[in-house]
Structure formats: C-alpha cells, structure tokens
Amino acid sequence: MARKYNNPRKPYIVSMRVTDEKMDKFRQIMEKTNLSAADLMRDAFNLLRQQWELSHSTHMPLQN
C-alpha cells in the first residue's frame, strides 16, 4: 500500500528538470554533505534568499 504524505508544515511540492550532468553533480553534493535532495534544496533556497536580501539592503545586484 502506498504511504500517504501528510505534513501540514510543508504543504507544497516544487519540482524541476535538470540535465544528466547537473543531476550527477547534485548527487555528488548529496553524498558529500549527507543531505537529502529536499534538505539540500532547502539549504540552497535559504542561501539564495539571504543573498537576495543582502543585495537589496545594500542595493548591489546578485552575482551569478
């Protein structure tokens, strides 16, 4: 029987498509950091948000 997912604190699912090469790099990072894909993406989002907030508080553009 399939497991039901019910977590009211995280009601949204975000997905994306990546190339094989990017997925390989992603898996390498997951292995080195011992993070799940979801935790790694949450950390990446938090870093991006912090960079965005810093750039807007100092009026400096984000760097790629």
PDB file of N, CA and C in Angstrom:
ATOM      1  N   MET A   1       0.834  -1.169   0.000  1.00  0.00           N
ATOM      2  CA  MET A   1       0.000   0.000   0.000  1.00  0.00           C
ATOM      3  C   MET A   1       0.886   1.242   0.000  1.00  0.00           C
ATOM      4  N   ALA A   2       0.480   2.244  -0.752  1.00  0.00           N
ATOM      5  CA  ALA A   2       1.253   3.486  -0.851  1.00  0.00           C
ATOM      6  C   ALA A   2       1.167   4.273   0.452  1.00  0.00           C
ATOM      7  N   ARG A   3       2.264   4.897   0.791  1.00  0.00           N
ATOM      8  CA  ARG A   3       2.317   5.716   2.004  1.00  0.00           C
ATOM      9  C   ARG A   3       1.695   7.075   1.710  1.00  0.00           C
ATOM     10  N   LYS A   4       0.831   7.535   2.585  1.00  0.00           N
ATOM     11  CA  LYS A   4       0.228   8.847   2.408  1.00  0.00           C
ATOM     12  C   LYS A   4       1.148   9.902   2.986  1.00  0.00           C
ATOM     13  N   TYR A   5       1.263  11.009   2.302  1.00  0.00           N
ATOM     14  CA  TYR A   5       2.082  12.133   2.757  1.00  0.00           C
ATOM     15  C   TYR A   5       1.146  13.176   3.343  1.00  0.00           C
ATOM     16  N   ASN A   6       1.339  13.481   4.606  1.00  0.00           N
ATOM     17  CA  ASN A   6       0.506  14.495   5.249  1.00  0.00           C
ATOM     18  C   ASN A   6       1.370  15.252   6.233  1.00  0.00           C
ATOM     19  N   ASN A   7       1.867  16.394   5.807  1.00  0.00           N
ATOM     20  CA  ASN A   7       2.702  17.225   6.666  1.00  0.00           C
ATOM     21  C   ASN A   7       2.203  18.657   6.523  1.00  0.00           C
ATOM     22  N   PRO A   8       1.404  19.127   7.469  1.00  0.00           N
ATOM     23  CA  PRO A   8       0.823  20.456   7.316  1.00  0.00           C
ATOM     24  C   PRO A   8       1.853  21.583   7.322  1.00  0.00           C
ATOM     25  N   ARG A   9       3.056  21.341   7.831  1.00  0.00           N
ATOM     26  CA  ARG A   9       4.063  22.393   7.847  1.00  0.00           C
ATOM     27  C   ARG A   9       4.697  22.578   6.474  1.00  0.00           C
ATOM     28  N   LYS A  10       4.612  21.597   5.605  1.00  0.00           N
ATOM     29  CA  LYS A  10       5.200  21.666   4.266  1.00  0.00           C
ATOM     30  C   LYS A  10       4.167  21.202   3.240  1.00  0.00           C
ATOM     31  N   PRO A  11       3.189  22.050   2.954  1.00  0.00           N
ATOM     32  CA  PRO A  11       2.103  21.597   2.083  1.00  0.00           C
ATOM     33  C   PRO A  11       2.405  21.684   0.584  1.00  0.00           C
ATOM     34  N   TYR A  12       3.537  22.247   0.185  1.00  0.00           N
ATOM     35  CA  TYR A  12       3.813  22.463  -1.233  1.00  0.00           C
ATOM     36  C   TYR A  12       4.944  21.572  -1.720  1.00  0.00           C
ATOM     37  N   ILE A  13       4.862  21.198  -2.972  1.00  0.00           N
ATOM     38  CA  ILE A  13       5.908  20.427  -3.636  1.00  0.00           C
ATOM     39  C   ILE A  13       6.394  21.253  -4.818  1.00  0.00           C
ATOM     40  N   VAL A  14       7.710  21.417  -4.928  1.00  0.00           N
ATOM     41  CA  VAL A  14       8.316  22.135  -6.037  1.00  0.00           C
ATOM     42  C   VAL A  14       9.202  21.140  -6.766  1.00  0.00           C
ATOM     43  N   SER A  15       9.084  21.063  -8.074  1.00  0.00           N
ATOM     44  CA  SER A  15       9.930  20.147  -8.839  1.00  0.00           C
ATOM     45  C   SER A  15      10.594  20.895  -9.980  1.00  0.00           C
ATOM     46  N   MET A  16      11.666  20.311 -10.509  1.00  0.00           N
ATOM     47  CA  MET A  16      12.362  20.919 -11.638  1.00  0.00           C
ATOM     48  C   MET A  16      13.048  19.838 -12.452  1.00  0.00           C
ATOM     49  N   ARG A  17      13.337  20.167 -13.674  1.00  0.00           N
ATOM     50  CA  ARG A  17      14.049  19.242 -14.564  1.00  0.00           C
ATOM     51  C   ARG A  17      15.486  19.706 -14.693  1.00  0.00           C
ATOM     52  N   VAL A  18      16.417  18.752 -14.691  1.00  0.00           N
ATOM     53  CA  VAL A  18      17.833  19.067 -14.844  1.00  0.00           C
ATOM     54  C   VAL A  18      18.454  18.090 -15.829  1.00  0.00           C
ATOM     55  N   THR A  19      19.607  18.472 -16.348  1.00  0.00           N
ATOM     56  CA  THR A  19      20.331  17.600 -17.260  1.00  0.00           C
ATOM     57  C   THR A  19      20.984  16.460 -16.481  1.00  0.00           C
ATOM     58  N   ASP A  20      21.427  15.456 -17.182  1.00  0.00           N
ATOM     59  CA  ASP A  20      22.135  14.345 -16.537  1.00  0.00           C
ATOM     60  C   ASP A  20      23.376  14.838 -15.810  1.00  0.00           C
ATOM     61  N   GLU A  21      24.090  15.774 -16.420  1.00  0.00           N
ATOM     62  CA  GLU A  21      25.318  16.295 -15.816  1.00  0.00           C
ATOM     63  C   GLU A  21      25.029  17.022 -14.504  1.00  0.00           C
ATOM     64  N   LYS A  22      23.981  17.836 -14.504  1.00  0.00           N
ATOM     65  CA  LYS A  22      23.635  18.563 -13.272  1.00  0.00           C
ATOM     66  C   LYS A  22      23.148  17.600 -12.200  1.00  0.00           C
ATOM     67  N   MET A  23      22.431  16.563 -12.595  1.00  0.00           N
ATOM     68  CA  MET A  23      21.967  15.578 -11.625  1.00  0.00           C
ATOM     69  C   MET A  23      23.143  14.826 -11.026  1.00  0.00           C
ATOM     70  N   ASP A  24      24.146  14.520 -11.833  1.00  0.00           N
ATOM     71  CA  ASP A  24      25.350  13.860 -11.316  1.00  0.00           C
ATOM     72  C   ASP A  24      26.034  14.735 -10.268  1.00  0.00           C
ATOM     73  N   LYS A  25      26.161  16.023 -10.567  1.00  0.00           N
ATOM     74  CA  LYS A  25      26.773  16.956  -9.603  1.00  0.00           C
ATOM     75  C   LYS A  25      25.921  17.059  -8.338  1.00  0.00           C
ATOM     76  N   PHE A  26      24.609  17.107  -8.523  1.00  0.00           N
ATOM     77  CA  PHE A  26      23.693  17.179  -7.393  1.00  0.00           C
ATOM     78  C   PHE A  26      23.853  15.959  -6.490  1.00  0.00           C
ATOM     79  N   ARG A  27      23.930  14.780  -7.097  1.00  0.00           N
ATOM     80  CA  ARG A  27      24.119  13.552  -6.310  1.00  0.00           C
ATOM     81  C   ARG A  27      25.466  13.550  -5.587  1.00  0.00           C
ATOM     82  N   GLN A  28      26.497  14.077  -6.238  1.00  0.00           N
ATOM     83  CA  GLN A  28      27.803  14.167  -5.580  1.00  0.00           C
ATOM     84  C   GLN A  28      27.730  15.056  -4.340  1.00  0.00           C
ATOM     85  N   ILE A  29      27.045  16.178  -4.469  1.00  0.00           N
ATOM     86  CA  ILE A  29      26.891  17.089  -3.321  1.00  0.00           C
ATOM     87  C   ILE A  29      26.082  16.408  -2.220  1.00  0.00           C
ATOM     88  N   MET A  30      25.016  15.707  -2.601  1.00  0.00           N
ATOM     89  CA  MET A  30      24.214  14.988  -1.608  1.00  0.00           C
ATOM     90  C   MET A  30      25.066  13.978  -0.856  1.00  0.00           C
ATOM     91  N   GLU A  31      25.903  13.260  -1.583  1.00  0.00           N
ATOM     92  CA  GLU A  31      26.754  12.245  -0.963  1.00  0.00           C
ATOM     93  C   GLU A  31      27.780  12.877  -0.027  1.00  0.00           C
ATOM     94  N   LYS A  32      28.405  13.969  -0.469  1.00  0.00           N
ATOM     95  CA  LYS A  32      29.443  14.613   0.341  1.00  0.00           C
ATOM     96  C   LYS A  32      28.876  15.295   1.580  1.00  0.00           C
ATOM     97  N   THR A  33      27.649  15.802   1.482  1.00  0.00           N
ATOM     98  CA  THR A  33      27.066  16.535   2.605  1.00  0.00           C
ATOM     99  C   THR A  33      26.153  15.680   3.472  1.00  0.00           C
ATOM    100  N   ASN A  34      25.858  14.470   3.012  1.00  0.00           N
ATOM    101  CA  ASN A  34      24.910  13.587   3.713  1.00  0.00           C
ATOM    102  C   ASN A  34      23.543  14.248   3.891  1.00  0.00           C
ATOM    103  N   LEU A  35      23.132  15.029   2.902  1.00  0.00           N
ATOM    104  CA  LEU A  35      21.829  15.663   2.922  1.00  0.00           C
ATOM    105  C   LEU A  35      20.910  14.998   1.910  1.00  0.00           C
ATOM    106  N   SER A  36      19.625  14.983   2.227  1.00  0.00           N
ATOM    107  CA  SER A  36      18.648  14.507   1.249  1.00  0.00           C
ATOM    108  C   SER A  36      18.497  15.575   0.164  1.00  0.00           C
ATOM    109  N   ALA A  37      17.878  15.193  -0.936  1.00  0.00           N
ATOM    110  CA  ALA A  37      17.649  16.152  -2.017  1.00  0.00           C
ATOM    111  C   ALA A  37      16.809  17.324  -1.511  1.00  0.00           C
ATOM    112  N   ALA A  38      15.782  17.029  -0.725  1.00  0.00           N
ATOM    113  CA  ALA A  38      14.914  18.094  -0.206  1.00  0.00           C
ATOM    114  C   ALA A  38      15.687  19.025   0.725  1.00  0.00           C
ATOM    115  N   ASP A  39      16.488  18.461   1.625  1.00  0.00           N
ATOM    116  CA  ASP A  39      17.257  19.302   2.552  1.00  0.00           C
ATOM    117  C   ASP A  39      18.288  20.142   1.812  1.00  0.00           C
ATOM    118  N   LEU A  40      18.911  19.562   0.804  1.00  0.00           N
ATOM    119  CA  LEU A  40      19.891  20.306   0.010  1.00  0.00           C
ATOM    120  C   LEU A  40      19.229  21.473  -0.715  1.00  0.00           C
ATOM    121  N   MET A  41      18.054  21.245  -1.293  1.00  0.00           N
ATOM    122  CA  MET A  41      17.345  22.311  -1.988  1.00  0.00           C
ATOM    123  C   MET A  41      16.855  23.375  -1.008  1.00  0.00           C
ATOM    124  N   ARG A  42      16.443  22.969   0.187  1.00  0.00           N
ATOM    125  CA  ARG A  42      16.041  23.961   1.201  1.00  0.00           C
ATOM    126  C   ARG A  42      17.225  24.841   1.575  1.00  0.00           C
ATOM    127  N   ASP A  43      18.401  24.219   1.763  1.00  0.00           N
ATOM    128  CA  ASP A  43      19.605  24.991   2.077  1.00  0.00           C
ATOM    129  C   ASP A  43      19.959  25.938   0.938  1.00  0.00           C
ATOM    130  N   ALA A  44      19.854  25.450  -0.304  1.00  0.00           N
ATOM    131  CA  ALA A  44      20.161  26.289  -1.465  1.00  0.00           C
ATOM    132  C   ALA A  44      19.187  27.463  -1.532  1.00  0.00           C
ATOM    133  N   PHE A  45      17.918  27.205  -1.275  1.00  0.00           N
ATOM    134  CA  PHE A  45      16.931  28.280  -1.285  1.00  0.00           C
ATOM    135  C   PHE A  45      17.249  29.309  -0.204  1.00  0.00           C
ATOM    136  N   ASN A  46      17.612  28.841   0.989  1.00  0.00           N
ATOM    137  CA  ASN A  46      17.937  29.768   2.073  1.00  0.00           C
ATOM    138  C   ASN A  46      19.153  30.621   1.743  1.00  0.00           C
ATOM    139  N   LEU A  47      20.167  30.027   1.112  1.00  0.00           N
ATOM    140  CA  LEU A  47      21.331  30.809   0.702  1.00  0.00           C
ATOM    141  C   LEU A  47      20.964  31.852  -0.342  1.00  0.00           C
ATOM    142  N   LEU A  48      20.140  31.472  -1.302  1.00  0.00           N
ATOM    143  CA  LEU A  48      19.696  32.412  -2.327  1.00  0.00           C
ATOM    144  C   LEU A  48      18.889  33.548  -1.701  1.00  0.00           C
ATOM    145  N   ARG A  49      17.997  33.207  -0.768  1.00  0.00           N
ATOM    146  CA  ARG A  49      17.191  34.227  -0.089  1.00  0.00           C
ATOM    147  C   ARG A  49      18.079  35.186   0.693  1.00  0.00           C
ATOM    148  N   GLN A  50      19.077  34.661   1.398  1.00  0.00           N
ATOM    149  CA  GLN A  50      19.993  35.519   2.151  1.00  0.00           C
ATOM    150  C   GLN A  50      20.768  36.443   1.217  1.00  0.00           C
ATOM    151  N   GLN A  51      21.229  35.918   0.095  1.00  0.00           N
ATOM    152  CA  GLN A  51      21.957  36.728  -0.872  1.00  0.00           C
ATOM    153  C   GLN A  51      21.049  37.800  -1.454  1.00  0.00           C
ATOM    154  N   TRP A  52      19.802  37.432  -1.746  1.00  0.00           N
ATOM    155  CA  TRP A  52      18.845  38.390  -2.293  1.00  0.00           C
ATOM    156  C   TRP A  52      18.579  39.500  -1.293  1.00  0.00           C
ATOM    157  N   GLU A  53      18.357  39.116  -0.031  1.00  0.00           N
ATOM    158  CA  GLU A  53      18.089  40.123   0.999  1.00  0.00           C
ATOM    159  C   GLU A  53      19.293  41.050   1.189  1.00  0.00           C
ATOM    160  N   LEU A  54      20.484  40.487   1.175  1.00  0.00           N
ATOM    161  CA  LEU A  54      21.688  41.299   1.316  1.00  0.00           C
ATOM    162  C   LEU A  54      21.833  42.253   0.141  1.00  0.00           C
ATOM    163  N   SER A  55      21.588  41.773  -1.066  1.00  0.00           N
ATOM    164  CA  SER A  55      21.738  42.625  -2.246  1.00  0.00           C
ATOM    165  C   SER A  55      20.708  43.752  -2.240  1.00  0.00           C
ATOM    166  N   HIS A  56      19.534  43.492  -1.715  1.00  0.00           N
ATOM    167  CA  HIS A  56      18.507  44.534  -1.685  1.00  0.00           C
ATOM    168  C   HIS A  56      18.718  45.515  -0.542  1.00  0.00           C
ATOM    169  N   SER A  57      19.376  45.082   0.511  1.00  0.00           N
ATOM    170  CA  SER A  57      19.638  46.017   1.606  1.00  0.00           C
ATOM    171  C   SER A  57      20.835  46.911   1.289  1.00  0.00           C
ATOM    172  N   THR A  58      21.729  46.440   0.397  1.00  0.00           N
ATOM    173  CA  THR A  58      22.903  47.233   0.033  1.00  0.00           C
ATOM    174  C   THR A  58      22.795  47.787  -1.381  1.00  0.00           C
ATOM    175  N   HIS A  59      21.696  47.498  -2.069  1.00  0.00           N
ATOM    176  CA  HIS A  59      21.451  47.958  -3.441  1.00  0.00           C
ATOM    177  C   HIS A  59      22.525  47.433  -4.402  1.00  0.00           C
ATOM    178  N   MET A  60      23.027  46.232  -4.135  1.00  0.00           N
ATOM    179  CA  MET A  60      24.006  45.620  -5.037  1.00  0.00           C
ATOM    180  C   MET A  60      23.314  44.489  -5.789  1.00  0.00           C
ATOM    181  N   PRO A  61      23.629  44.314  -7.090  1.00  0.00           N
ATOM    182  CA  PRO A  61      22.977  43.234  -7.856  1.00  0.00           C
ATOM    183  C   PRO A  61      23.500  41.863  -7.429  1.00  0.00           C
ATOM    184  N   LEU A  62      22.651  40.837  -7.601  1.00  0.00           N
ATOM    185  CA  LEU A  62      23.055  39.461  -7.338  1.00  0.00           C
ATOM    186  C   LEU A  62      24.123  39.039  -8.331  1.00  0.00           C
ATOM    187  N   GLN A  63      25.037  38.210  -7.876  1.00  0.00           N
ATOM    188  CA  GLN A  63      26.067  37.690  -8.778  1.00  0.00           C
ATOM    189  C   GLN A  63      25.707  36.267  -9.155  1.00  0.00           C
ATOM    190  N   ASN A  64      25.954  35.913 -10.407  1.00  0.00           N
ATOM    191  CA  ASN A  64      25.673  34.556 -10.881  1.00  0.00           C
ATOM    192  C   ASN A  64      26.811  33.635 -10.556  1.00  0.00           C
TER     193      ASN A  64
END
